[in-house]
Amino acid sequence: MKIMYWSSTILISSFLFFSSYTYVFNKSTIDGIRALGFPDFFRIELAALKTIAAILLLIPNISLQIKEWTYAGVGFFLITAIVAHLAHKDSMLTILINLILITLLVISNMYLPEK
């Protein structure tokens, strides 16, 4: 069971770290977020929150309540991303990737070791 938890958690956290990096340093990602209608301050805020979430998910001995709030926040972000990309009529691949990420997030939460 630990392998399911750590595999899914590491994949989700890796996505969050990579996504945070691209939100700040990748011109095409920055332009894409602007095209979705989000202001720059929101992009920076999301990058910071994604980095914090990735760190919190990877810390093994953190309060279960903090972990649950982190899962909820990341889930909310992924659902919001799906809605934004659907409204923008982006490719279904983008939607599929976000659905896969939600699945990984659910698996990580399901196998979260209880204290």
N, C-alpha and C. Protein backbone atom coordinates (compact mmCIF):
# COMPACT_ATOMS: atom_id res chain seq x y z
N MET A 1 0.82 -1.20 0.00
CA MET A 1 0.00 0.00 0.00
C MET A 1 0.86 1.27 0.00
N LYS A 2 2.00 1.20 0.66
CA LYS A 2 2.88 2.38 0.69
C LYS A 2 3.37 2.75 -0.70
N ILE A 3 3.58 1.72 -1.53
CA ILE A 3 4.08 2.02 -2.88
C ILE A 3 3.04 2.78 -3.70
N MET A 4 1.76 2.45 -3.51
CA MET A 4 0.69 3.18 -4.21
C MET A 4 0.66 4.63 -3.73
N TYR A 5 0.76 4.80 -2.42
CA TYR A 5 0.72 6.15 -1.86
C TYR A 5 1.89 6.98 -2.37
N TRP A 6 3.12 6.45 -2.21
CA TRP A 6 4.29 7.25 -2.57
C TRP A 6 4.40 7.46 -4.08
N SER A 7 4.04 6.46 -4.86
CA SER A 7 4.11 6.64 -6.33
C SER A 7 3.18 7.75 -6.79
N SER A 8 1.93 7.69 -6.35
CA SER A 8 0.96 8.71 -6.77
C SER A 8 1.31 10.08 -6.17
N THR A 9 1.78 10.09 -4.94
CA THR A 9 2.12 11.37 -4.29
C THR A 9 3.33 12.02 -4.96
N ILE A 10 4.33 11.23 -5.30
CA ILE A 10 5.51 11.77 -5.97
C ILE A 10 5.14 12.29 -7.36
N LEU A 11 4.29 11.57 -8.07
CA LEU A 11 3.86 12.04 -9.41
C LEU A 11 3.10 13.35 -9.31
N ILE A 12 2.16 13.45 -8.38
CA ILE A 12 1.38 14.68 -8.21
C ILE A 12 2.30 15.83 -7.79
N SER A 13 3.18 15.57 -6.84
CA SER A 13 4.09 16.62 -6.38
C SER A 13 5.04 17.07 -7.48
N SER A 14 5.50 16.12 -8.28
CA SER A 14 6.38 16.47 -9.41
C SER A 14 5.65 17.38 -10.39
N PHE A 15 4.40 17.03 -10.68
CA PHE A 15 3.59 17.88 -11.55
C PHE A 15 3.47 19.28 -10.96
N LEU A 16 3.18 19.36 -9.66
CA LEU A 16 3.01 20.66 -9.02
C LEU A 16 4.28 21.49 -9.07
N PHE A 17 5.43 20.86 -8.80
CA PHE A 17 6.71 21.58 -8.88
C PHE A 17 6.98 22.06 -10.30
N PHE A 18 6.80 21.17 -11.28
CA PHE A 18 7.05 21.53 -12.68
C PHE A 18 6.10 22.64 -13.13
N SER A 19 4.84 22.49 -12.78
CA SER A 19 3.85 23.49 -13.15
C SER A 19 4.18 24.85 -12.54
N SER A 20 4.59 24.85 -11.28
CA SER A 20 4.98 26.11 -10.63
C SER A 20 6.13 26.78 -11.36
N TYR A 21 7.11 25.97 -11.74
CA TYR A 21 8.25 26.50 -12.47
C TYR A 21 7.81 27.13 -13.78
N THR A 22 6.95 26.42 -14.53
CA THR A 22 6.53 26.96 -15.83
C THR A 22 5.67 28.21 -15.67
N TYR A 23 4.91 28.29 -14.58
CA TYR A 23 4.09 29.48 -14.34
C TYR A 23 4.93 30.73 -14.19
N VAL A 24 6.18 30.56 -13.76
CA VAL A 24 7.04 31.71 -13.51
C VAL A 24 8.04 31.94 -14.65
N PHE A 25 8.55 30.85 -15.25
CA PHE A 25 9.68 30.99 -16.17
C PHE A 25 9.43 30.61 -17.62
N ASN A 26 8.28 30.02 -17.95
CA ASN A 26 8.03 29.58 -19.32
C ASN A 26 7.09 30.55 -20.02
N LYS A 27 7.61 31.19 -21.08
CA LYS A 27 6.83 32.21 -21.78
C LYS A 27 5.52 31.67 -22.35
N SER A 28 5.54 30.47 -22.93
CA SER A 28 4.31 29.95 -23.52
C SER A 28 3.26 29.64 -22.45
N THR A 29 3.70 29.17 -21.28
CA THR A 29 2.75 28.93 -20.19
C THR A 29 2.19 30.25 -19.68
N ILE A 30 3.05 31.23 -19.52
CA ILE A 30 2.61 32.56 -19.06
C ILE A 30 1.59 33.14 -20.04
N ASP A 31 1.90 33.05 -21.34
CA ASP A 31 0.97 33.54 -22.36
C ASP A 31 -0.34 32.75 -22.35
N GLY A 32 -0.24 31.44 -22.12
CA GLY A 32 -1.43 30.60 -22.08
C GLY A 32 -2.34 30.95 -20.92
N ILE A 33 -1.75 31.25 -19.77
CA ILE A 33 -2.55 31.63 -18.60
C ILE A 33 -3.23 32.98 -18.85
N ARG A 34 -2.51 33.87 -19.50
CA ARG A 34 -3.12 35.17 -19.86
C ARG A 34 -4.26 34.97 -20.84
N ALA A 35 -4.08 34.05 -21.79
CA ALA A 35 -5.13 33.78 -22.79
C ALA A 35 -6.39 33.21 -22.13
N LEU A 36 -6.21 32.51 -21.02
CA LEU A 36 -7.37 31.99 -20.29
C LEU A 36 -8.10 33.10 -19.55
N GLY A 37 -7.48 34.27 -19.48
CA GLY A 37 -8.14 35.42 -18.85
C GLY A 37 -7.71 35.69 -17.42
N PHE A 38 -6.66 34.98 -16.95
CA PHE A 38 -6.21 35.18 -15.58
C PHE A 38 -5.13 36.26 -15.52
N PRO A 39 -5.17 37.13 -14.51
CA PRO A 39 -4.15 38.17 -14.37
C PRO A 39 -2.83 37.59 -13.87
N ASP A 40 -1.76 38.35 -14.06
CA ASP A 40 -0.42 37.89 -13.67
C ASP A 40 -0.30 37.61 -12.18
N PHE A 41 -0.92 38.44 -11.34
CA PHE A 41 -0.78 38.20 -9.90
C PHE A 41 -1.36 36.84 -9.51
N PHE A 42 -2.40 36.40 -10.21
CA PHE A 42 -3.02 35.11 -9.93
C PHE A 42 -2.09 33.97 -10.34
N ARG A 43 -1.38 34.16 -11.46
CA ARG A 43 -0.41 33.16 -11.93
C ARG A 43 0.69 32.98 -10.90
N ILE A 44 1.21 34.07 -10.35
CA ILE A 44 2.26 34.01 -9.34
C ILE A 44 1.73 33.37 -8.06
N GLU A 45 0.52 33.74 -7.68
CA GLU A 45 -0.11 33.17 -6.49
C GLU A 45 -0.26 31.65 -6.65
N LEU A 46 -0.74 31.21 -7.82
CA LEU A 46 -0.89 29.78 -8.06
C LEU A 46 0.46 29.07 -8.03
N ALA A 47 1.48 29.68 -8.59
CA ALA A 47 2.81 29.07 -8.56
C ALA A 47 3.28 28.87 -7.12
N ALA A 48 3.09 29.87 -6.28
CA ALA A 48 3.50 29.76 -4.88
C ALA A 48 2.68 28.70 -4.16
N LEU A 49 1.37 28.70 -4.37
CA LEU A 49 0.50 27.73 -3.69
C LEU A 49 0.79 26.29 -4.16
N LYS A 50 1.09 26.12 -5.43
CA LYS A 50 1.41 24.78 -5.93
C LYS A 50 2.72 24.27 -5.32
N THR A 51 3.69 25.17 -5.16
CA THR A 51 4.95 24.78 -4.54
C THR A 51 4.73 24.37 -3.09
N ILE A 52 3.96 25.16 -2.37
CA ILE A 52 3.66 24.83 -0.97
C ILE A 52 2.91 23.51 -0.89
N ALA A 53 1.93 23.30 -1.75
CA ALA A 53 1.15 22.05 -1.75
C ALA A 53 2.05 20.85 -2.03
N ALA A 54 2.96 20.97 -3.00
CA ALA A 54 3.86 19.86 -3.32
C ALA A 54 4.72 19.50 -2.12
N ILE A 55 5.20 20.50 -1.43
CA ILE A 55 6.03 20.26 -0.24
C ILE A 55 5.20 19.60 0.85
N LEU A 56 3.99 20.12 1.10
CA LEU A 56 3.14 19.55 2.15
C LEU A 56 2.76 18.11 1.86
N LEU A 57 2.52 17.78 0.61
CA LEU A 57 2.17 16.40 0.26
C LEU A 57 3.34 15.45 0.49
N LEU A 58 4.55 15.95 0.35
CA LEU A 58 5.73 15.09 0.49
C LEU A 58 6.22 14.93 1.92
N ILE A 59 5.82 15.81 2.82
CA ILE A 59 6.25 15.70 4.21
C ILE A 59 5.46 14.58 4.88
N PRO A 60 6.16 13.52 5.33
CA PRO A 60 5.43 12.37 5.87
C PRO A 60 4.76 12.62 7.23
N ASN A 61 5.39 13.34 8.12
CA ASN A 61 4.86 13.50 9.48
C ASN A 61 4.21 14.85 9.69
N ILE A 62 3.23 15.12 8.87
CA ILE A 62 2.50 16.38 8.99
C ILE A 62 1.06 16.05 9.39
N SER A 63 0.42 16.97 10.02
CA SER A 63 -0.96 16.76 10.49
C SER A 63 -1.86 16.26 9.36
N LEU A 64 -2.69 15.28 9.70
CA LEU A 64 -3.62 14.72 8.73
C LEU A 64 -4.59 15.79 8.23
N GLN A 65 -4.96 16.72 9.09
CA GLN A 65 -5.87 17.80 8.70
C GLN A 65 -5.21 18.70 7.65
N ILE A 66 -3.94 19.00 7.82
CA ILE A 66 -3.23 19.83 6.84
C ILE A 66 -3.15 19.09 5.50
N LYS A 67 -2.87 17.77 5.56
CA LYS A 67 -2.82 16.98 4.32
C LYS A 67 -4.17 17.02 3.61
N GLU A 68 -5.25 16.85 4.35
CA GLU A 68 -6.58 16.84 3.75
C GLU A 68 -6.90 18.18 3.08
N TRP A 69 -6.54 19.27 3.75
CA TRP A 69 -6.75 20.60 3.15
C TRP A 69 -5.90 20.76 1.90
N THR A 70 -4.72 20.20 1.92
CA THR A 70 -3.85 20.28 0.74
C THR A 70 -4.46 19.51 -0.42
N TYR A 71 -4.96 18.30 -0.14
CA TYR A 71 -5.64 17.53 -1.19
C TYR A 71 -6.82 18.31 -1.75
N ALA A 72 -7.60 18.91 -0.87
CA ALA A 72 -8.77 19.68 -1.31
C ALA A 72 -8.35 20.85 -2.20
N GLY A 73 -7.31 21.56 -1.80
CA GLY A 73 -6.84 22.71 -2.58
C GLY A 73 -6.35 22.30 -3.95
N VAL A 74 -5.57 21.23 -4.02
CA VAL A 74 -5.06 20.76 -5.31
C VAL A 74 -6.22 20.27 -6.18
N GLY A 75 -7.17 19.55 -5.56
CA GLY A 75 -8.34 19.09 -6.31
C GLY A 75 -9.14 20.26 -6.87
N PHE A 76 -9.32 21.28 -6.05
CA PHE A 76 -10.04 22.47 -6.50
C PHE A 76 -9.31 23.13 -7.66
N PHE A 77 -7.98 23.22 -7.57
CA PHE A 77 -7.21 23.79 -8.67
C PHE A 77 -7.41 22.98 -9.96
N LEU A 78 -7.32 21.65 -9.87
CA LEU A 78 -7.45 20.82 -11.06
C LEU A 78 -8.83 20.92 -11.69
N ILE A 79 -9.87 20.96 -10.85
CA ILE A 79 -11.23 21.12 -11.38
C ILE A 79 -11.38 22.49 -12.05
N THR A 80 -10.83 23.52 -11.43
CA THR A 80 -10.87 24.87 -12.01
C THR A 80 -10.12 24.90 -13.34
N ALA A 81 -8.99 24.19 -13.41
CA ALA A 81 -8.22 24.13 -14.67
C ALA A 81 -9.05 23.47 -15.77
N ILE A 82 -9.76 22.41 -15.44
CA ILE A 82 -10.60 21.73 -16.43
C ILE A 82 -11.68 22.69 -16.95
N VAL A 83 -12.33 23.38 -16.03
CA VAL A 83 -13.40 24.32 -16.42
C VAL A 83 -12.82 25.43 -17.31
N ALA A 84 -11.67 25.98 -16.92
CA ALA A 84 -11.06 27.07 -17.69
C ALA A 84 -10.68 26.59 -19.10
N HIS A 85 -10.11 25.39 -19.19
CA HIS A 85 -9.71 24.88 -20.50
C HIS A 85 -10.91 24.51 -21.36
N LEU A 86 -11.97 24.01 -20.75
CA LEU A 86 -13.19 23.75 -21.51
C LEU A 86 -13.79 25.05 -22.03
N ALA A 87 -13.85 26.06 -21.18
CA ALA A 87 -14.41 27.35 -21.59
C ALA A 87 -13.58 27.99 -22.70
N HIS A 88 -12.28 27.74 -22.68
CA HIS A 88 -11.38 28.30 -23.69
C HIS A 88 -11.33 27.44 -24.95
N LYS A 89 -12.04 26.30 -24.90
CA LYS A 89 -12.09 25.35 -26.02
C LYS A 89 -10.71 24.81 -26.38
N ASP A 90 -9.92 24.50 -25.33
CA ASP A 90 -8.60 23.91 -25.54
C ASP A 90 -8.75 22.44 -25.91
N SER A 91 -7.65 21.82 -26.26
CA SER A 91 -7.69 20.43 -26.72
C SER A 91 -8.15 19.49 -25.61
N MET A 92 -8.74 18.40 -26.03
CA MET A 92 -9.21 17.40 -25.07
C MET A 92 -8.03 16.73 -24.37
N LEU A 93 -6.85 16.78 -24.95
CA LEU A 93 -5.66 16.23 -24.31
C LEU A 93 -5.38 16.96 -22.99
N THR A 94 -5.56 18.26 -22.99
CA THR A 94 -5.37 19.04 -21.77
C THR A 94 -6.36 18.61 -20.70
N ILE A 95 -7.59 18.39 -21.09
CA ILE A 95 -8.63 17.94 -20.16
C ILE A 95 -8.28 16.55 -19.64
N LEU A 96 -7.86 15.68 -20.53
CA LEU A 96 -7.50 14.31 -20.15
C LEU A 96 -6.34 14.30 -19.16
N ILE A 97 -5.34 15.12 -19.40
CA ILE A 97 -4.20 15.20 -18.48
C ILE A 97 -4.68 15.62 -17.09
N ASN A 98 -5.55 16.61 -17.04
CA ASN A 98 -6.07 17.05 -15.74
C ASN A 98 -6.90 15.96 -15.07
N LEU A 99 -7.65 15.19 -15.83
CA LEU A 99 -8.42 14.08 -15.26
C LEU A 99 -7.50 12.99 -14.71
N ILE A 100 -6.40 12.74 -15.41
CA ILE A 100 -5.41 11.77 -14.92
C ILE A 100 -4.79 12.28 -13.61
N LEU A 101 -4.50 13.57 -13.56
CA LEU A 101 -3.94 14.15 -12.33
C LEU A 101 -4.93 14.06 -11.17
N ILE A 102 -6.21 14.28 -11.44
CA ILE A 102 -7.22 14.13 -10.39
C ILE A 102 -7.25 12.68 -9.90
N THR A 103 -7.15 11.74 -10.83
CA THR A 103 -7.12 10.33 -10.45
C THR A 103 -5.92 10.02 -9.56
N LEU A 104 -4.75 10.52 -9.92
CA LEU A 104 -3.57 10.33 -9.10
C LEU A 104 -3.74 10.95 -7.71
N LEU A 105 -4.37 12.12 -7.67
CA LEU A 105 -4.61 12.80 -6.40
C LEU A 105 -5.54 11.95 -5.52
N VAL A 106 -6.58 11.39 -6.11
CA VAL A 106 -7.52 10.55 -5.36
C VAL A 106 -6.81 9.29 -4.86
N ILE A 107 -5.98 8.67 -5.70
CA ILE A 107 -5.23 7.48 -5.28
C ILE A 107 -4.31 7.83 -4.11
N SER A 108 -3.59 8.94 -4.21
CA SER A 108 -2.72 9.37 -3.13
C SER A 108 -3.51 9.55 -1.84
N ASN A 109 -4.67 10.19 -1.94
CA ASN A 109 -5.50 10.41 -0.75
C ASN A 109 -6.04 9.10 -0.20
N MET A 110 -6.45 8.20 -1.06
CA MET A 110 -7.00 6.91 -0.62
C MET A 110 -5.98 6.09 0.16
N TYR A 111 -4.73 6.14 -0.26
CA TYR A 111 -3.68 5.33 0.37
C TYR A 111 -2.87 6.12 1.39
N LEU A 112 -3.33 7.29 1.74
CA LEU A 112 -2.66 8.11 2.76
C LEU A 112 -2.59 7.34 4.06
N PRO A 113 -1.37 7.12 4.57
CA PRO A 113 -1.25 6.37 5.83
C PRO A 113 -1.87 7.16 6.98
N GLU A 114 -2.66 6.47 7.78
CA GLU A 114 -3.27 7.12 8.94
C GLU A 114 -2.29 7.10 10.09
N LYS A 115 -2.36 8.14 10.91
CA LYS A 115 -1.44 8.23 12.05
C LYS A 115 -1.99 7.52 13.24
